[in-house]
Amino acid sequence: MASQWWANHGVIQVTLDNRAGGHFGKKGVEAVYRYLGILELQDFCDGIDHFRKMPFVNENKIGVEGFSFGGTMTALCVTEGNEHFQYGIAGGGVYDWGLYDTHYGERYMDRPQDNPDGYAKSRVVDRVSKYRGDATNMLRLTHGTGDDNVHFQNSLQLIDQLQKDHKDFELMIYPDGMHGYRGDQGMHSSLQDYKFWYRYLLEQPLPEILFDYFKKK
């Protein structure tokens, strides 16, 4: 339903895979090994540029959203990659691999003491200098304080850096929220996401029908 709703409003939705996607196999994973977020960002920027060249696409109104590692990549797209992506909603993202669990993190990054350069270059916190934080380039961050997968500290560090850089951004915290918002938090998050896209992509207020829809749910 959501995809058709956006299509009816002139919003084109695409899904892009980067070279670390599962169907690229071991070769794809080897390409990003020890430096997560570097080549993946390049792939997303190259991929969206294919669409930005189309005459019916507004290249200044490109949005991206994701959760977990998708949140990581969304934050990178809207900050370091903001020449390609202007607006993004990043939920529950890993912004410093040193804060993530060893089972996953060290599988792809090795131990921090064995790969200090990779951990440093993969930190989203240190890659936000291009971000403008205005009506032409806006990041919305969300995170649950009870997230036991991607700990809340990830977002706190990114928030701290954005504040030190005097950059505007949107933020929504879900008290005791886990890795994925449920119940009332899930409904609230979905409605706020709609508001964000209406504001920045369509430059319109949210229709009353959507308010009513989420109230009923």
N, C-alpha and C. Protein backbone atom coordinates (compact mmCIF):
# COMPACT_ATOMS: atom_id res chain seq x y z
N MET A 1 0.82 -1.21 0.00
CA MET A 1 0.00 0.00 0.00
C MET A 1 0.85 1.25 0.00
N ALA A 2 1.93 1.25 0.80
CA ALA A 2 2.77 2.44 0.89
C ALA A 2 3.41 2.77 -0.44
N SER A 3 3.91 1.76 -1.15
CA SER A 3 4.55 2.00 -2.44
C SER A 3 3.57 2.62 -3.42
N GLN A 4 2.34 2.11 -3.48
CA GLN A 4 1.35 2.66 -4.39
C GLN A 4 0.97 4.08 -3.99
N TRP A 5 0.91 4.33 -2.68
CA TRP A 5 0.60 5.69 -2.21
C TRP A 5 1.62 6.68 -2.72
N TRP A 6 2.89 6.36 -2.58
CA TRP A 6 3.93 7.28 -3.04
C TRP A 6 3.92 7.41 -4.56
N ALA A 7 3.67 6.33 -5.27
CA ALA A 7 3.61 6.39 -6.73
C ALA A 7 2.50 7.34 -7.18
N ASN A 8 1.38 7.31 -6.48
CA ASN A 8 0.26 8.20 -6.82
C ASN A 8 0.62 9.67 -6.58
N HIS A 9 1.66 9.91 -5.76
CA HIS A 9 2.09 11.27 -5.47
C HIS A 9 3.34 11.65 -6.26
N GLY A 10 3.69 10.84 -7.23
CA GLY A 10 4.82 11.18 -8.08
C GLY A 10 6.18 10.85 -7.50
N VAL A 11 6.21 10.02 -6.45
CA VAL A 11 7.47 9.64 -5.83
C VAL A 11 7.89 8.27 -6.38
N ILE A 12 9.09 8.20 -6.93
CA ILE A 12 9.63 6.96 -7.48
C ILE A 12 10.43 6.25 -6.40
N GLN A 13 10.16 4.97 -6.20
CA GLN A 13 10.89 4.19 -5.21
C GLN A 13 11.76 3.15 -5.92
N VAL A 14 13.01 3.07 -5.50
CA VAL A 14 13.92 2.07 -6.05
C VAL A 14 14.67 1.40 -4.89
N THR A 15 15.10 0.19 -5.12
CA THR A 15 15.94 -0.53 -4.18
C THR A 15 17.29 -0.78 -4.84
N LEU A 16 18.35 -0.36 -4.17
CA LEU A 16 19.70 -0.53 -4.71
C LEU A 16 20.47 -1.55 -3.88
N ASP A 17 21.22 -2.40 -4.54
CA ASP A 17 22.12 -3.33 -3.85
C ASP A 17 23.55 -2.84 -4.02
N ASN A 18 24.34 -2.99 -2.97
CA ASN A 18 25.77 -2.70 -3.11
C ASN A 18 26.53 -4.01 -3.25
N ARG A 19 27.81 -3.91 -3.50
CA ARG A 19 28.59 -5.12 -3.82
C ARG A 19 28.73 -6.09 -2.65
N ALA A 20 28.33 -5.67 -1.45
CA ALA A 20 28.37 -6.58 -0.30
C ALA A 20 27.06 -7.36 -0.15
N GLY A 21 26.10 -7.13 -1.06
CA GLY A 21 24.85 -7.86 -1.00
C GLY A 21 25.08 -9.35 -1.10
N GLY A 22 24.21 -10.13 -0.46
CA GLY A 22 24.41 -11.57 -0.37
C GLY A 22 24.58 -12.28 -1.69
N HIS A 23 23.86 -11.84 -2.74
CA HIS A 23 23.93 -12.55 -4.01
C HIS A 23 25.22 -12.28 -4.78
N PHE A 24 26.07 -11.38 -4.26
CA PHE A 24 27.39 -11.19 -4.87
C PHE A 24 28.41 -12.17 -4.29
N GLY A 25 28.00 -12.91 -3.27
CA GLY A 25 28.83 -13.98 -2.75
C GLY A 25 30.08 -13.52 -2.02
N LYS A 26 31.01 -14.46 -1.90
CA LYS A 26 32.24 -14.22 -1.15
C LYS A 26 33.06 -13.09 -1.77
N LYS A 27 33.06 -13.00 -3.10
CA LYS A 27 33.83 -11.95 -3.77
C LYS A 27 33.35 -10.56 -3.34
N GLY A 28 32.05 -10.40 -3.21
CA GLY A 28 31.51 -9.12 -2.79
C GLY A 28 31.91 -8.77 -1.37
N VAL A 29 31.81 -9.76 -0.47
CA VAL A 29 32.19 -9.52 0.92
C VAL A 29 33.67 -9.20 1.04
N GLU A 30 34.49 -9.89 0.26
CA GLU A 30 35.94 -9.63 0.31
C GLU A 30 36.26 -8.19 -0.09
N ALA A 31 35.45 -7.61 -0.96
CA ALA A 31 35.71 -6.24 -1.42
C ALA A 31 35.57 -5.22 -0.29
N VAL A 32 34.66 -5.49 0.66
CA VAL A 32 34.41 -4.53 1.73
C VAL A 32 35.07 -4.96 3.04
N TYR A 33 35.72 -6.10 3.04
CA TYR A 33 36.31 -6.66 4.26
C TYR A 33 37.28 -5.68 4.91
N ARG A 34 37.06 -5.44 6.21
CA ARG A 34 37.88 -4.58 7.07
C ARG A 34 37.63 -3.08 6.86
N TYR A 35 36.77 -2.70 5.91
CA TYR A 35 36.49 -1.28 5.67
C TYR A 35 35.01 -1.12 5.32
N LEU A 36 34.15 -1.44 6.25
CA LEU A 36 32.71 -1.35 6.00
C LEU A 36 32.27 0.10 5.76
N GLY A 37 31.39 0.26 4.77
CA GLY A 37 30.79 1.57 4.52
C GLY A 37 31.53 2.42 3.51
N ILE A 38 32.68 1.99 3.02
CA ILE A 38 33.45 2.78 2.07
C ILE A 38 32.95 2.51 0.64
N LEU A 39 33.14 1.29 0.17
CA LEU A 39 32.71 0.95 -1.19
C LEU A 39 31.20 0.87 -1.31
N GLU A 40 30.52 0.50 -0.21
CA GLU A 40 29.05 0.45 -0.26
C GLU A 40 28.48 1.83 -0.56
N LEU A 41 29.04 2.86 0.06
CA LEU A 41 28.57 4.22 -0.21
C LEU A 41 28.82 4.59 -1.67
N GLN A 42 29.98 4.24 -2.18
CA GLN A 42 30.30 4.51 -3.58
C GLN A 42 29.28 3.84 -4.50
N ASP A 43 28.92 2.59 -4.17
CA ASP A 43 27.96 1.86 -5.00
C ASP A 43 26.59 2.53 -4.98
N PHE A 44 26.14 2.96 -3.81
CA PHE A 44 24.83 3.61 -3.72
C PHE A 44 24.83 4.94 -4.50
N CYS A 45 25.91 5.69 -4.38
CA CYS A 45 25.99 6.96 -5.11
C CYS A 45 26.00 6.72 -6.62
N ASP A 46 26.79 5.74 -7.06
CA ASP A 46 26.83 5.42 -8.49
C ASP A 46 25.47 4.93 -8.97
N GLY A 47 24.82 4.11 -8.13
CA GLY A 47 23.52 3.57 -8.52
C GLY A 47 22.45 4.64 -8.65
N ILE A 48 22.37 5.55 -7.68
CA ILE A 48 21.33 6.57 -7.74
C ILE A 48 21.61 7.58 -8.83
N ASP A 49 22.87 7.76 -9.20
CA ASP A 49 23.18 8.68 -10.30
C ASP A 49 22.60 8.20 -11.62
N HIS A 50 22.42 6.90 -11.76
CA HIS A 50 21.76 6.36 -12.96
C HIS A 50 20.36 6.94 -13.09
N PHE A 51 19.67 7.04 -11.96
CA PHE A 51 18.30 7.55 -11.98
C PHE A 51 18.26 9.08 -12.03
N ARG A 52 19.24 9.72 -11.42
CA ARG A 52 19.26 11.18 -11.39
C ARG A 52 19.42 11.78 -12.78
N LYS A 53 19.94 11.01 -13.71
CA LYS A 53 20.12 11.49 -15.09
C LYS A 53 18.83 11.43 -15.90
N MET A 54 17.82 10.77 -15.39
CA MET A 54 16.56 10.64 -16.13
C MET A 54 15.80 11.96 -16.10
N PRO A 55 15.21 12.36 -17.22
CA PRO A 55 14.59 13.70 -17.31
C PRO A 55 13.41 13.91 -16.39
N PHE A 56 12.76 12.84 -15.96
CA PHE A 56 11.58 12.98 -15.10
C PHE A 56 11.91 12.89 -13.62
N VAL A 57 13.20 12.82 -13.28
CA VAL A 57 13.64 12.73 -11.88
C VAL A 57 14.17 14.07 -11.41
N ASN A 58 13.70 14.52 -10.26
CA ASN A 58 14.21 15.74 -9.64
C ASN A 58 15.46 15.37 -8.85
N GLU A 59 16.63 15.67 -9.39
CA GLU A 59 17.88 15.24 -8.78
C GLU A 59 18.17 15.93 -7.46
N ASN A 60 17.42 16.96 -7.13
CA ASN A 60 17.60 17.66 -5.85
C ASN A 60 16.62 17.20 -4.78
N LYS A 61 15.84 16.17 -5.10
CA LYS A 61 14.86 15.65 -4.15
C LYS A 61 15.01 14.14 -4.04
N ILE A 62 16.20 13.70 -3.62
CA ILE A 62 16.47 12.28 -3.48
C ILE A 62 16.50 11.92 -2.00
N GLY A 63 15.65 10.99 -1.61
CA GLY A 63 15.60 10.56 -0.22
C GLY A 63 16.04 9.11 -0.09
N VAL A 64 16.48 8.74 1.10
CA VAL A 64 16.91 7.38 1.38
C VAL A 64 16.56 7.06 2.82
N GLU A 65 16.20 5.81 3.09
CA GLU A 65 15.92 5.42 4.46
C GLU A 65 16.35 3.99 4.70
N GLY A 66 16.69 3.71 5.96
CA GLY A 66 17.10 2.36 6.31
C GLY A 66 17.22 2.20 7.80
N PHE A 67 17.26 0.95 8.23
CA PHE A 67 17.34 0.64 9.66
C PHE A 67 18.48 -0.33 9.88
N SER A 68 19.14 -0.24 11.04
CA SER A 68 20.28 -1.07 11.40
C SER A 68 21.44 -0.74 10.46
N PHE A 69 21.99 -1.69 9.72
CA PHE A 69 23.06 -1.33 8.77
C PHE A 69 22.51 -0.40 7.69
N GLY A 70 21.21 -0.54 7.42
CA GLY A 70 20.57 0.42 6.52
C GLY A 70 20.58 1.82 7.09
N GLY A 71 20.46 1.92 8.41
CA GLY A 71 20.57 3.23 9.06
C GLY A 71 21.98 3.78 8.95
N THR A 72 22.96 2.90 9.09
CA THR A 72 24.36 3.30 8.91
C THR A 72 24.57 3.90 7.53
N MET A 73 24.12 3.18 6.51
CA MET A 73 24.32 3.63 5.14
C MET A 73 23.50 4.88 4.82
N THR A 74 22.31 4.98 5.40
CA THR A 74 21.50 6.19 5.20
C THR A 74 22.23 7.41 5.73
N ALA A 75 22.78 7.30 6.93
CA ALA A 75 23.52 8.43 7.51
C ALA A 75 24.71 8.80 6.62
N LEU A 76 25.40 7.81 6.08
CA LEU A 76 26.53 8.10 5.19
C LEU A 76 26.07 8.75 3.89
N CYS A 77 24.97 8.25 3.34
CA CYS A 77 24.46 8.81 2.08
C CYS A 77 24.10 10.29 2.22
N VAL A 78 23.49 10.65 3.35
CA VAL A 78 22.99 12.02 3.52
C VAL A 78 24.08 12.97 4.01
N THR A 79 25.16 12.42 4.55
CA THR A 79 26.24 13.28 5.04
C THR A 79 27.38 13.30 4.02
N GLU A 80 28.20 12.29 4.02
CA GLU A 80 29.33 12.26 3.08
C GLU A 80 28.86 12.20 1.62
N GLY A 81 27.74 11.55 1.38
CA GLY A 81 27.25 11.41 0.00
C GLY A 81 26.13 12.35 -0.35
N ASN A 82 26.09 13.53 0.29
CA ASN A 82 24.92 14.39 0.10
C ASN A 82 24.85 15.09 -1.26
N GLU A 83 25.85 14.94 -2.10
CA GLU A 83 25.72 15.43 -3.47
C GLU A 83 24.79 14.52 -4.27
N HIS A 84 24.54 13.33 -3.76
CA HIS A 84 23.70 12.35 -4.44
C HIS A 84 22.38 12.12 -3.73
N PHE A 85 22.39 12.18 -2.40
CA PHE A 85 21.20 11.98 -1.57
C PHE A 85 21.04 13.19 -0.64
N GLN A 86 19.88 13.83 -0.70
CA GLN A 86 19.70 15.04 0.10
C GLN A 86 19.01 14.79 1.45
N TYR A 87 18.14 13.80 1.50
CA TYR A 87 17.31 13.61 2.69
C TYR A 87 17.33 12.15 3.11
N GLY A 88 17.33 11.91 4.42
CA GLY A 88 17.36 10.53 4.86
C GLY A 88 16.80 10.32 6.26
N ILE A 89 16.25 9.12 6.48
CA ILE A 89 15.79 8.69 7.80
C ILE A 89 16.61 7.47 8.19
N ALA A 90 17.44 7.62 9.21
CA ALA A 90 18.33 6.56 9.66
C ALA A 90 17.87 6.05 11.02
N GLY A 91 17.50 4.78 11.08
CA GLY A 91 17.04 4.20 12.34
C GLY A 91 18.00 3.15 12.86
N GLY A 92 18.30 3.22 14.15
CA GLY A 92 19.08 2.18 14.82
C GLY A 92 20.38 1.82 14.14
N GLY A 93 21.13 2.82 13.66
CA GLY A 93 22.33 2.55 12.87
C GLY A 93 23.58 2.35 13.71
N VAL A 94 24.53 1.60 13.13
CA VAL A 94 25.87 1.46 13.72
C VAL A 94 26.72 2.60 13.18
N TYR A 95 27.16 3.47 14.05
CA TYR A 95 27.95 4.63 13.61
C TYR A 95 29.40 4.55 14.06
N ASP A 96 29.72 3.50 14.78
CA ASP A 96 31.10 3.21 15.18
C ASP A 96 31.17 1.69 15.39
N TRP A 97 31.92 1.00 14.54
CA TRP A 97 31.95 -0.46 14.62
C TRP A 97 32.62 -0.95 15.90
N GLY A 98 33.34 -0.09 16.57
CA GLY A 98 33.91 -0.46 17.85
C GLY A 98 32.86 -0.63 18.93
N LEU A 99 31.64 -0.18 18.67
CA LEU A 99 30.55 -0.29 19.63
C LEU A 99 29.63 -1.47 19.34
N TYR A 100 29.91 -2.19 18.26
CA TYR A 100 29.02 -3.28 17.87
C TYR A 100 29.56 -4.62 18.35
N ASP A 101 28.72 -5.65 18.32
CA ASP A 101 29.12 -6.93 18.89
C ASP A 101 30.20 -7.61 18.05
N THR A 102 31.03 -8.38 18.74
CA THR A 102 32.18 -9.00 18.09
C THR A 102 31.76 -10.09 17.11
N HIS A 103 30.62 -10.72 17.35
CA HIS A 103 30.18 -11.83 16.49
C HIS A 103 30.04 -11.37 15.04
N TYR A 104 29.48 -10.18 14.84
CA TYR A 104 29.31 -9.64 13.49
C TYR A 104 30.47 -8.71 13.14
N GLY A 105 30.76 -7.77 14.03
CA GLY A 105 31.76 -6.76 13.72
C GLY A 105 33.12 -7.33 13.36
N GLU A 106 33.61 -8.26 14.18
CA GLU A 106 34.95 -8.79 13.94
C GLU A 106 34.97 -9.79 12.78
N ARG A 107 33.81 -10.31 12.41
CA ARG A 107 33.75 -11.17 11.24
C ARG A 107 34.12 -10.39 9.97
N TYR A 108 33.70 -9.14 9.93
CA TYR A 108 33.94 -8.32 8.74
C TYR A 108 35.02 -7.26 8.93
N MET A 109 35.34 -6.95 10.19
CA MET A 109 36.29 -5.86 10.45
C MET A 109 37.58 -6.33 11.13
N ASP A 110 37.65 -7.58 11.56
CA ASP A 110 38.74 -8.05 12.43
C ASP A 110 38.67 -7.31 13.76
N ARG A 111 39.58 -7.62 14.66
CA ARG A 111 39.58 -6.97 15.97
C ARG A 111 40.08 -5.52 15.83
N PRO A 112 39.57 -4.63 16.66
CA PRO A 112 40.01 -3.22 16.58
C PRO A 112 41.52 -3.07 16.66
N GLN A 113 42.18 -3.84 17.52
CA GLN A 113 43.64 -3.71 17.66
C GLN A 113 44.39 -4.23 16.44
N ASP A 114 43.71 -5.07 15.61
CA ASP A 114 44.35 -5.60 14.41
C ASP A 114 44.01 -4.79 13.16
N ASN A 115 43.04 -3.91 13.27
CA ASN A 115 42.61 -3.12 12.11
C ASN A 115 42.23 -1.70 12.53
N PRO A 116 43.13 -0.98 13.17
CA PRO A 116 42.79 0.38 13.64
C PRO A 116 42.44 1.32 12.49
N ASP A 117 43.10 1.18 11.36
CA ASP A 117 42.82 2.06 10.23
C ASP A 117 41.41 1.83 9.69
N GLY A 118 41.02 0.57 9.59
CA GLY A 118 39.69 0.25 9.10
C GLY A 118 38.59 0.76 10.01
N TYR A 119 38.78 0.59 11.32
CA TYR A 119 37.78 1.08 12.27
C TYR A 119 37.68 2.61 12.22
N ALA A 120 38.82 3.26 12.07
CA ALA A 120 38.81 4.73 12.03
C ALA A 120 38.11 5.24 10.77
N LYS A 121 38.43 4.64 9.63
CA LYS A 121 37.86 5.13 8.37
C LYS A 121 36.40 4.72 8.20
N SER A 122 35.94 3.74 8.96
CA SER A 122 34.55 3.29 8.86
C SER A 122 33.61 4.02 9.82
N ARG A 123 34.16 4.84 10.69
CA ARG A 123 33.32 5.55 11.67
C ARG A 123 32.49 6.63 11.00
N VAL A 124 31.18 6.49 11.05
CA VAL A 124 30.29 7.51 10.48
C VAL A 124 30.49 8.84 11.21
N VAL A 125 30.76 8.76 12.49
CA VAL A 125 30.92 9.96 13.31
C VAL A 125 31.98 10.90 12.74
N ASP A 126 32.98 10.34 12.10
CA ASP A 126 34.08 11.15 11.57
C ASP A 126 33.91 11.50 10.10
N ARG A 127 32.74 11.21 9.54
CA ARG A 127 32.54 11.40 8.10
C ARG A 127 31.33 12.27 7.79
N VAL A 128 31.03 13.22 8.65
CA VAL A 128 29.82 14.02 8.49
C VAL A 128 30.11 15.47 8.11
N SER A 129 31.36 15.77 7.77
CA SER A 129 31.74 17.18 7.57
C SER A 129 31.02 17.84 6.40
N LYS A 130 30.60 17.08 5.38
CA LYS A 130 29.93 17.65 4.22
C LYS A 130 28.45 17.94 4.48
N TYR A 131 27.93 17.42 5.55
CA TYR A 131 26.50 17.57 5.85
C TYR A 131 26.16 19.02 6.12
N ARG A 132 25.08 19.51 5.49
CA ARG A 132 24.69 20.91 5.65
C ARG A 132 23.68 21.10 6.78
N GLY A 133 22.71 20.22 6.88
CA GLY A 133 21.72 20.34 7.92
C GLY A 133 20.80 21.53 7.72
N ASP A 134 20.17 21.60 6.54
CA ASP A 134 19.23 22.68 6.26
C ASP A 134 18.11 22.14 5.38
N ALA A 135 17.31 23.04 4.81
CA ALA A 135 16.15 22.60 4.03
C ALA A 135 16.54 21.82 2.79
N THR A 136 17.81 21.93 2.38
CA THR A 136 18.27 21.22 1.18
C THR A 136 18.99 19.92 1.50
N ASN A 137 19.21 19.65 2.77
CA ASN A 137 19.99 18.47 3.17
C ASN A 137 19.70 18.16 4.63
N MET A 138 18.80 17.20 4.88
CA MET A 138 18.36 16.96 6.25
C MET A 138 18.40 15.47 6.60
N LEU A 139 18.93 15.18 7.78
CA LEU A 139 19.00 13.83 8.32
C LEU A 139 18.07 13.71 9.52
N ARG A 140 17.27 12.65 9.52
CA ARG A 140 16.42 12.33 10.65
C ARG A 140 16.96 11.06 11.30
N LEU A 141 17.27 11.13 12.58
CA LEU A 141 17.78 10.00 13.33
C LEU A 141 16.72 9.48 14.28
N THR A 142 16.60 8.15 14.38
CA THR A 142 15.74 7.54 15.38
C THR A 142 16.50 6.39 16.04
N HIS A 143 16.18 6.13 17.31
CA HIS A 143 16.83 5.02 18.01
C HIS A 143 16.01 4.69 19.26
N GLY A 144 15.98 3.42 19.61
CA GLY A 144 15.35 2.98 20.84
C GLY A 144 16.37 2.87 21.95
N THR A 145 16.05 3.39 23.11
CA THR A 145 17.04 3.37 24.20
C THR A 145 17.28 1.97 24.74
N GLY A 146 16.35 1.03 24.49
CA GLY A 146 16.52 -0.33 24.96
C GLY A 146 17.10 -1.26 23.91
N ASP A 147 17.58 -0.72 22.82
CA ASP A 147 18.11 -1.52 21.71
C ASP A 147 19.30 -2.35 22.20
N ASP A 148 19.14 -3.68 22.21
CA ASP A 148 20.22 -4.55 22.68
C ASP A 148 21.01 -5.15 21.52
N ASN A 149 20.75 -4.67 20.32
CA ASN A 149 21.50 -5.09 19.15
C ASN A 149 22.49 -3.99 18.76
N VAL A 150 21.96 -2.86 18.32
CA VAL A 150 22.79 -1.67 18.08
C VAL A 150 22.54 -0.72 19.25
N HIS A 151 23.47 -0.66 20.17
CA HIS A 151 23.26 0.09 21.40
C HIS A 151 23.06 1.58 21.14
N PHE A 152 22.26 2.19 21.97
CA PHE A 152 21.89 3.60 21.86
C PHE A 152 23.12 4.51 21.81
N GLN A 153 24.23 4.06 22.37
CA GLN A 153 25.45 4.86 22.38
C GLN A 153 25.89 5.24 20.98
N ASN A 154 25.57 4.40 19.98
CA ASN A 154 25.92 4.73 18.60
C ASN A 154 25.31 6.08 18.19
N SER A 155 24.02 6.22 18.43
CA SER A 155 23.35 7.48 18.06
C SER A 155 23.82 8.64 18.93
N LEU A 156 24.08 8.36 20.21
CA LEU A 156 24.54 9.44 21.09
C LEU A 156 25.85 10.05 20.57
N GLN A 157 26.76 9.20 20.10
CA GLN A 157 28.03 9.73 19.59
C GLN A 157 27.82 10.55 18.33
N LEU A 158 26.93 10.09 17.45
CA LEU A 158 26.67 10.84 16.22
C LEU A 158 25.97 12.17 16.54
N ILE A 159 25.02 12.13 17.46
CA ILE A 159 24.35 13.35 17.89
C ILE A 159 25.35 14.35 18.46
N ASP A 160 26.25 13.86 19.29
CA ASP A 160 27.26 14.71 19.89
C ASP A 160 28.12 15.40 18.83
N GLN A 161 28.51 14.64 17.80
CA GLN A 161 29.34 15.22 16.75
C GLN A 161 28.58 16.25 15.93
N LEU A 162 27.34 15.97 15.61
CA LEU A 162 26.53 16.92 14.85
C LEU A 162 26.32 18.21 15.63
N GLN A 163 26.14 18.08 16.93
CA GLN A 163 25.99 19.28 17.76
C GLN A 163 27.28 20.07 17.82
N LYS A 164 28.41 19.38 17.93
CA LYS A 164 29.70 20.07 17.95
C LYS A 164 29.95 20.80 16.63
N ASP A 165 29.41 20.24 15.53
CA ASP A 165 29.56 20.88 14.22
C ASP A 165 28.49 21.94 13.97
N HIS A 166 27.61 22.16 14.96
CA HIS A 166 26.53 23.15 14.86
C HIS A 166 25.63 22.87 13.67
N LYS A 167 25.27 21.59 13.49
CA LYS A 167 24.42 21.19 12.37
C LYS A 167 23.02 20.85 12.85
N ASP A 168 22.01 21.29 12.12
CA ASP A 168 20.64 20.93 12.42
C ASP A 168 20.35 19.51 11.94
N PHE A 169 19.51 18.81 12.66
CA PHE A 169 19.07 17.47 12.28
C PHE A 169 17.80 17.17 13.04
N GLU A 170 17.06 16.16 12.61
CA GLU A 170 15.86 15.74 13.32
C GLU A 170 16.18 14.50 14.14
N LEU A 171 15.50 14.37 15.28
CA LEU A 171 15.80 13.28 16.19
C LEU A 171 14.52 12.80 16.87
N MET A 172 14.35 11.48 16.93
CA MET A 172 13.25 10.89 17.69
C MET A 172 13.79 9.70 18.47
N ILE A 173 13.62 9.77 19.79
CA ILE A 173 14.07 8.71 20.68
C ILE A 173 12.86 7.92 21.17
N TYR A 174 12.98 6.59 21.19
CA TYR A 174 11.90 5.75 21.68
C TYR A 174 12.31 5.09 22.99
N PRO A 175 11.76 5.56 24.12
CA PRO A 175 12.14 5.03 25.45
C PRO A 175 11.92 3.53 25.54
N ASP A 176 12.97 2.82 25.90
CA ASP A 176 12.94 1.37 26.03
C ASP A 176 12.67 0.65 24.71
N GLY A 177 12.66 1.40 23.60
CA GLY A 177 12.43 0.80 22.30
C GLY A 177 13.55 -0.15 21.93
N MET A 178 13.20 -1.23 21.24
CA MET A 178 14.18 -2.24 20.88
C MET A 178 14.68 -2.00 19.45
N HIS A 179 15.28 -3.04 18.86
CA HIS A 179 15.84 -2.92 17.51
C HIS A 179 14.73 -3.13 16.49
N GLY A 180 13.93 -2.12 16.32
CA GLY A 180 12.69 -2.17 15.56
C GLY A 180 11.56 -1.76 16.47
N TYR A 181 10.76 -0.78 16.06
CA TYR A 181 9.74 -0.20 16.93
C TYR A 181 8.42 -0.94 16.74
N ARG A 182 7.74 -1.21 17.85
CA ARG A 182 6.52 -1.99 17.81
C ARG A 182 5.39 -1.24 18.50
N GLY A 183 4.18 -1.70 18.28
CA GLY A 183 3.02 -1.13 18.95
C GLY A 183 2.87 0.36 18.68
N ASP A 184 2.60 1.12 19.74
CA ASP A 184 2.41 2.55 19.59
C ASP A 184 3.65 3.24 19.05
N GLN A 185 4.83 2.75 19.45
CA GLN A 185 6.07 3.33 18.94
C GLN A 185 6.20 3.11 17.43
N GLY A 186 5.81 1.93 16.98
CA GLY A 186 5.87 1.65 15.55
C GLY A 186 4.93 2.53 14.75
N MET A 187 3.72 2.75 15.26
CA MET A 187 2.76 3.61 14.59
C MET A 187 3.26 5.06 14.58
N HIS A 188 3.81 5.48 15.71
CA HIS A 188 4.33 6.84 15.80
C HIS A 188 5.48 7.03 14.82
N SER A 189 6.38 6.07 14.76
CA SER A 189 7.53 6.17 13.86
C SER A 189 7.08 6.24 12.40
N SER A 190 6.13 5.41 12.02
CA SER A 190 5.65 5.40 10.64
C SER A 190 5.01 6.72 10.26
N LEU A 191 4.20 7.27 11.15
CA LEU A 191 3.54 8.54 10.87
C LEU A 191 4.57 9.66 10.75
N GLN A 192 5.56 9.68 11.63
CA GLN A 192 6.59 10.71 11.56
C GLN A 192 7.42 10.58 10.28
N ASP A 193 7.63 9.36 9.83
CA ASP A 193 8.35 9.16 8.56
C ASP A 193 7.57 9.77 7.41
N TYR A 194 6.26 9.54 7.38
CA TYR A 194 5.42 10.15 6.34
C TYR A 194 5.53 11.67 6.39
N LYS A 195 5.47 12.23 7.59
CA LYS A 195 5.57 13.69 7.72
C LYS A 195 6.88 14.20 7.13
N PHE A 196 7.96 13.48 7.42
CA PHE A 196 9.28 13.89 6.93
C PHE A 196 9.30 13.91 5.41
N TRP A 197 8.81 12.87 4.77
CA TRP A 197 8.87 12.82 3.31
C TRP A 197 7.94 13.84 2.67
N TYR A 198 6.79 14.07 3.29
CA TYR A 198 5.91 15.11 2.75
C TYR A 198 6.57 16.48 2.85
N ARG A 199 7.23 16.72 3.96
CA ARG A 199 7.85 18.02 4.18
C ARG A 199 9.00 18.28 3.19
N TYR A 200 9.86 17.29 3.00
CA TYR A 200 11.08 17.55 2.24
C TYR A 200 11.01 17.13 0.77
N LEU A 201 10.27 16.08 0.46
CA LEU A 201 10.18 15.67 -0.95
C LEU A 201 9.02 16.34 -1.67
N LEU A 202 7.87 16.42 -1.02
CA LEU A 202 6.68 16.96 -1.67
C LEU A 202 6.41 18.41 -1.29
N GLU A 203 7.02 18.87 -0.20
CA GLU A 203 6.80 20.24 0.30
C GLU A 203 5.32 20.51 0.51
N GLN A 204 4.68 19.55 1.17
CA GLN A 204 3.26 19.63 1.46
C GLN A 204 3.01 19.17 2.89
N PRO A 205 1.92 19.64 3.49
CA PRO A 205 1.55 19.11 4.81
C PRO A 205 1.00 17.70 4.66
N LEU A 206 1.06 16.94 5.72
CA LEU A 206 0.56 15.57 5.69
C LEU A 206 -0.96 15.58 5.56
N PRO A 207 -1.53 14.81 4.63
CA PRO A 207 -2.99 14.76 4.47
C PRO A 207 -3.68 14.22 5.72
N GLU A 208 -4.86 14.74 5.99
CA GLU A 208 -5.61 14.31 7.16
C GLU A 208 -5.94 12.83 7.10
N ILE A 209 -6.07 12.27 5.90
CA ILE A 209 -6.42 10.86 5.78
C ILE A 209 -5.35 9.98 6.39
N LEU A 210 -4.09 10.42 6.36
CA LEU A 210 -3.03 9.63 6.96
C LEU A 210 -3.07 9.72 8.48
N PHE A 211 -3.39 10.89 9.00
CA PHE A 211 -3.56 11.01 10.45
C PHE A 211 -4.65 10.04 10.94
N ASP A 212 -5.76 10.02 10.21
CA ASP A 212 -6.88 9.16 10.59
C ASP A 212 -6.49 7.69 10.46
N TYR A 213 -5.74 7.36 9.43
CA TYR A 213 -5.35 5.97 9.21
C TYR A 213 -4.52 5.45 10.38
N PHE A 214 -3.53 6.22 10.81
CA PHE A 214 -2.67 5.75 11.88
C PHE A 214 -3.37 5.79 13.23
N LYS A 215 -4.31 6.69 13.42
CA LYS A 215 -5.08 6.70 14.67
C LYS A 215 -5.91 5.44 14.80
N LYS A 216 -6.49 4.99 13.70
CA LYS A 216 -7.32 3.79 13.72
C LYS A 216 -6.49 2.54 13.99
N LYS A 217 -5.25 2.54 13.50
CA LYS A 217 -4.39 1.37 13.71
C LYS A 217 -3.94 1.30 15.16
